[in-house]
Structures are given as structure tokens and as C-alpha cells.
């Protein structure tokens, strides 16, 4: 069973790495739509949830080795 979850986790990580920007855009759109449909009644809660989801996405996008830079290496200043 754990190999199934390991495989699933690997596939999810690959999807985040390949489509993280699209996922982030979808989070923004979903939050805007939820806020619109609730007529702003839960704006603070929606914003807080969106922020938490984006933070988690950023962690997942960076992978197990820490944040990645623009060239896939460790984070920090881009190569010249």
C-alpha cells in the first residue's frame, strides 16, 4: 500500500512542478469566485485559505531539496 502512495505522491509532485503556475492561477480564480458567490461575507476566511494553499503550493513546488532557483538549481540569485 505504501508503494501506491509513494507513486501517487511522485505524480502529484511532478504535476506541481510542471503546472504550479496554472494551479496558483486556479487558486486565485476559485477564491475570487467563492468571494463573489458569498457576496463578500467570508472574504477574510477565503483570503486566509487562499494564502495557506499558495504557501503549501510553494513548498511543494520547491521539492524536498529546498526552493529551486529559476534554472532548477538551488534558490538564490539567477545565473548571469
N, C-alpha and C. Protein backbone atom coordinates (compact mmCIF):
# COMPACT_ATOMS: atom_id res chain seq x y z
N UNK A 1 0.82 -1.18 0.00
CA UNK A 1 0.00 0.00 0.00
C UNK A 1 0.87 1.25 0.00
N UNK A 2 1.98 1.24 0.73
CA UNK A 2 2.81 2.44 0.79
C UNK A 2 3.44 2.74 -0.56
N UNK A 3 3.72 1.72 -1.37
CA UNK A 3 4.27 1.99 -2.70
C UNK A 3 3.24 2.71 -3.57
N UNK A 4 1.97 2.41 -3.36
CA UNK A 4 0.91 3.11 -4.09
C UNK A 4 0.93 4.60 -3.75
N UNK A 5 1.03 4.91 -2.45
CA UNK A 5 1.04 6.30 -2.01
C UNK A 5 2.33 7.00 -2.44
N UNK A 6 3.42 6.28 -2.44
CA UNK A 6 4.68 6.87 -2.92
C UNK A 6 4.57 7.24 -4.39
N UNK A 7 3.99 6.35 -5.16
CA UNK A 7 3.81 6.61 -6.59
C UNK A 7 2.86 7.80 -6.79
N UNK A 8 1.78 7.81 -6.03
CA UNK A 8 0.81 8.90 -6.12
C UNK A 8 1.45 10.24 -5.74
N UNK A 9 2.24 10.22 -4.69
CA UNK A 9 2.93 11.44 -4.25
C UNK A 9 3.90 11.93 -5.33
N UNK A 10 4.60 11.02 -5.95
CA UNK A 10 5.53 11.38 -7.03
C UNK A 10 4.80 12.00 -8.20
N UNK A 11 3.65 11.45 -8.55
CA UNK A 11 2.86 12.01 -9.64
C UNK A 11 2.33 13.40 -9.28
N UNK A 12 1.91 13.58 -8.05
CA UNK A 12 1.44 14.89 -7.61
C UNK A 12 2.57 15.91 -7.64
N UNK A 13 3.75 15.50 -7.18
CA UNK A 13 4.90 16.40 -7.19
C UNK A 13 5.26 16.80 -8.61
N UNK A 14 5.20 15.85 -9.52
CA UNK A 14 5.50 16.13 -10.93
C UNK A 14 4.49 17.13 -11.50
N UNK A 15 3.22 16.95 -11.16
CA UNK A 15 2.17 17.87 -11.64
C UNK A 15 2.39 19.27 -11.10
N UNK A 16 2.76 19.38 -9.83
CA UNK A 16 3.02 20.69 -9.24
C UNK A 16 4.23 21.35 -9.90
N UNK A 17 5.26 20.57 -10.12
CA UNK A 17 6.46 21.11 -10.77
C UNK A 17 6.16 21.60 -12.19
N UNK A 18 5.35 20.87 -12.91
CA UNK A 18 5.05 21.22 -14.30
C UNK A 18 3.98 22.29 -14.43
N UNK A 19 3.02 22.31 -13.52
CA UNK A 19 1.86 23.18 -13.68
C UNK A 19 1.59 24.06 -12.47
N UNK A 20 2.60 24.34 -11.68
CA UNK A 20 2.43 25.13 -10.47
C UNK A 20 1.83 26.50 -10.73
N UNK A 21 2.23 27.13 -11.82
CA UNK A 21 1.70 28.46 -12.14
C UNK A 21 0.21 28.39 -12.46
N UNK A 22 -0.19 27.36 -13.18
CA UNK A 22 -1.61 27.19 -13.51
C UNK A 22 -2.43 26.90 -12.26
N UNK A 23 -1.85 26.11 -11.35
CA UNK A 23 -2.54 25.78 -10.10
C UNK A 23 -2.72 27.05 -9.27
N UNK A 24 -1.68 27.87 -9.20
CA UNK A 24 -1.76 29.13 -8.45
C UNK A 24 -2.82 30.06 -9.04
N UNK A 25 -2.86 30.12 -10.36
CA UNK A 25 -3.87 30.95 -11.02
C UNK A 25 -5.27 30.41 -10.71
N UNK A 26 -5.42 29.10 -10.71
CA UNK A 26 -6.70 28.49 -10.38
C UNK A 26 -7.13 28.78 -8.95
N UNK A 27 -6.17 28.80 -8.02
CA UNK A 27 -6.48 29.15 -6.64
C UNK A 27 -7.02 30.57 -6.55
N UNK A 28 -6.39 31.49 -7.28
CA UNK A 28 -6.85 32.88 -7.28
C UNK A 28 -8.27 32.99 -7.85
N UNK A 29 -8.50 32.29 -8.94
CA UNK A 29 -9.82 32.33 -9.57
C UNK A 29 -10.89 31.71 -8.67
N UNK A 30 -10.55 30.60 -8.04
CA UNK A 30 -11.51 29.94 -7.14
C UNK A 30 -11.83 30.83 -5.94
N UNK A 31 -10.82 31.49 -5.40
CA UNK A 31 -11.05 32.38 -4.26
C UNK A 31 -11.92 33.56 -4.67
N UNK A 32 -11.65 34.13 -5.84
CA UNK A 32 -12.46 35.26 -6.33
C UNK A 32 -13.91 34.83 -6.54
N UNK A 33 -14.10 33.65 -7.11
CA UNK A 33 -15.45 33.15 -7.37
C UNK A 33 -16.19 32.86 -6.06
N UNK A 34 -15.50 32.27 -5.09
CA UNK A 34 -16.12 31.99 -3.79
C UNK A 34 -16.50 33.30 -3.10
N UNK A 35 -15.63 34.29 -3.18
CA UNK A 35 -15.92 35.58 -2.56
C UNK A 35 -17.12 36.25 -3.23
N UNK A 36 -17.17 36.13 -4.53
CA UNK A 36 -18.29 36.72 -5.28
C UNK A 36 -19.62 36.04 -4.92
N UNK A 37 -19.59 34.70 -4.85
CA UNK A 37 -20.82 33.95 -4.58
C UNK A 37 -21.32 34.11 -3.14
N UNK A 38 -20.39 34.41 -2.23
CA UNK A 38 -20.80 34.64 -0.84
C UNK A 38 -21.00 36.13 -0.57
N UNK A 39 -20.90 36.92 -1.63
CA UNK A 39 -21.11 38.38 -1.56
C UNK A 39 -20.23 39.03 -0.50
N UNK A 40 -18.98 38.56 -0.41
CA UNK A 40 -18.00 39.16 0.49
C UNK A 40 -18.17 38.81 1.95
N UNK A 41 -19.15 38.00 2.28
CA UNK A 41 -19.43 37.67 3.68
C UNK A 41 -18.25 36.95 4.35
N UNK A 42 -17.52 36.16 3.59
CA UNK A 42 -16.41 35.37 4.15
C UNK A 42 -15.07 35.77 3.53
N UNK A 43 -14.94 36.99 3.09
CA UNK A 43 -13.72 37.44 2.40
C UNK A 43 -12.45 37.15 3.18
N UNK A 44 -12.47 37.43 4.48
CA UNK A 44 -11.27 37.22 5.28
C UNK A 44 -10.90 35.74 5.36
N UNK A 45 -11.89 34.89 5.50
CA UNK A 45 -11.64 33.44 5.58
C UNK A 45 -11.17 32.89 4.23
N UNK A 46 -11.75 33.38 3.15
CA UNK A 46 -11.36 32.94 1.81
C UNK A 46 -9.93 33.37 1.52
N UNK A 47 -9.59 34.61 1.86
CA UNK A 47 -8.24 35.11 1.64
C UNK A 47 -7.22 34.30 2.46
N UNK A 48 -7.58 33.99 3.70
CA UNK A 48 -6.69 33.21 4.56
C UNK A 48 -6.48 31.80 3.98
N UNK A 49 -7.55 31.19 3.51
CA UNK A 49 -7.44 29.86 2.91
C UNK A 49 -6.62 29.87 1.63
N UNK A 50 -6.82 30.89 0.81
CA UNK A 50 -6.05 31.02 -0.43
C UNK A 50 -4.57 31.18 -0.12
N UNK A 51 -4.26 32.00 0.88
CA UNK A 51 -2.87 32.22 1.27
C UNK A 51 -2.23 30.93 1.75
N UNK A 52 -2.93 30.19 2.59
CA UNK A 52 -2.41 28.91 3.08
C UNK A 52 -2.16 27.93 1.94
N UNK A 53 -3.12 27.87 1.00
CA UNK A 53 -2.97 26.97 -0.14
C UNK A 53 -1.78 27.38 -1.00
N UNK A 54 -1.59 28.68 -1.20
CA UNK A 54 -0.46 29.15 -2.01
C UNK A 54 0.88 28.88 -1.30
N UNK A 55 0.90 29.02 0.02
CA UNK A 55 2.12 28.70 0.76
C UNK A 55 2.47 27.22 0.63
N UNK A 56 1.46 26.37 0.75
CA UNK A 56 1.69 24.93 0.60
C UNK A 56 2.14 24.59 -0.81
N UNK A 57 1.55 25.23 -1.79
CA UNK A 57 1.94 25.02 -3.19
C UNK A 57 3.40 25.42 -3.38
N UNK A 58 3.80 26.54 -2.80
CA UNK A 58 5.19 27.00 -2.92
C UNK A 58 6.15 25.99 -2.29
N UNK A 59 5.75 25.41 -1.14
CA UNK A 59 6.58 24.39 -0.51
C UNK A 59 6.70 23.16 -1.39
N UNK A 60 5.57 22.75 -1.95
CA UNK A 60 5.57 21.55 -2.80
C UNK A 60 6.34 21.80 -4.08
N UNK A 61 6.24 22.99 -4.60
CA UNK A 61 6.92 23.33 -5.85
C UNK A 61 8.43 23.30 -5.65
N UNK A 62 8.88 23.65 -4.45
CA UNK A 62 10.31 23.69 -4.19
C UNK A 62 10.90 22.29 -4.05
N UNK A 63 10.06 21.31 -3.75
CA UNK A 63 10.52 19.93 -3.65
C UNK A 63 11.29 19.67 -2.38
N UNK A 64 11.77 18.44 -2.23
CA UNK A 64 12.42 18.05 -0.99
C UNK A 64 13.79 18.69 -0.77
N UNK A 65 14.43 19.19 -1.82
CA UNK A 65 15.77 19.76 -1.69
C UNK A 65 15.77 21.24 -1.38
N UNK A 66 14.63 21.83 -1.10
CA UNK A 66 14.55 23.25 -0.81
C UNK A 66 14.10 24.02 -2.04
N UNK A 67 13.94 25.32 -1.90
CA UNK A 67 13.45 26.12 -3.01
C UNK A 67 14.37 26.04 -4.22
N UNK A 68 13.77 26.01 -5.38
CA UNK A 68 14.54 25.95 -6.61
C UNK A 68 14.68 27.34 -7.20
N UNK A 69 15.81 27.59 -7.77
CA UNK A 69 16.04 28.84 -8.47
C UNK A 69 15.41 28.78 -9.85
N UNK A 70 15.58 29.84 -10.63
CA UNK A 70 14.96 29.91 -11.95
C UNK A 70 15.51 28.88 -12.94
N UNK A 71 16.66 28.27 -12.63
CA UNK A 71 17.23 27.29 -13.54
C UNK A 71 17.15 25.87 -13.00
N UNK A 72 16.29 25.67 -11.99
CA UNK A 72 16.09 24.34 -11.45
C UNK A 72 17.07 23.95 -10.37
N UNK A 73 18.08 24.78 -10.12
CA UNK A 73 19.05 24.50 -9.08
C UNK A 73 18.57 25.07 -7.75
N UNK A 74 19.47 25.15 -6.79
CA UNK A 74 19.08 25.72 -5.51
C UNK A 74 18.64 27.18 -5.68
N UNK A 75 17.81 27.64 -4.75
CA UNK A 75 17.32 29.00 -4.82
C UNK A 75 18.44 30.01 -4.68
N UNK A 76 18.12 31.25 -4.90
CA UNK A 76 19.13 32.30 -4.80
C UNK A 76 19.14 33.11 -6.07
N UNK A 77 20.20 33.82 -6.27
CA UNK A 77 20.30 34.69 -7.44
C UNK A 77 20.39 33.88 -8.72
N UNK A 78 19.73 34.34 -9.78
CA UNK A 78 19.82 33.63 -11.05
C UNK A 78 21.21 33.73 -11.65
N UNK A 79 21.53 32.74 -12.44
CA UNK A 79 22.82 32.77 -13.14
C UNK A 79 22.84 33.91 -14.15
N UNK A 80 24.01 34.52 -14.32
CA UNK A 80 24.09 35.60 -15.34
C UNK A 80 23.98 35.08 -16.74
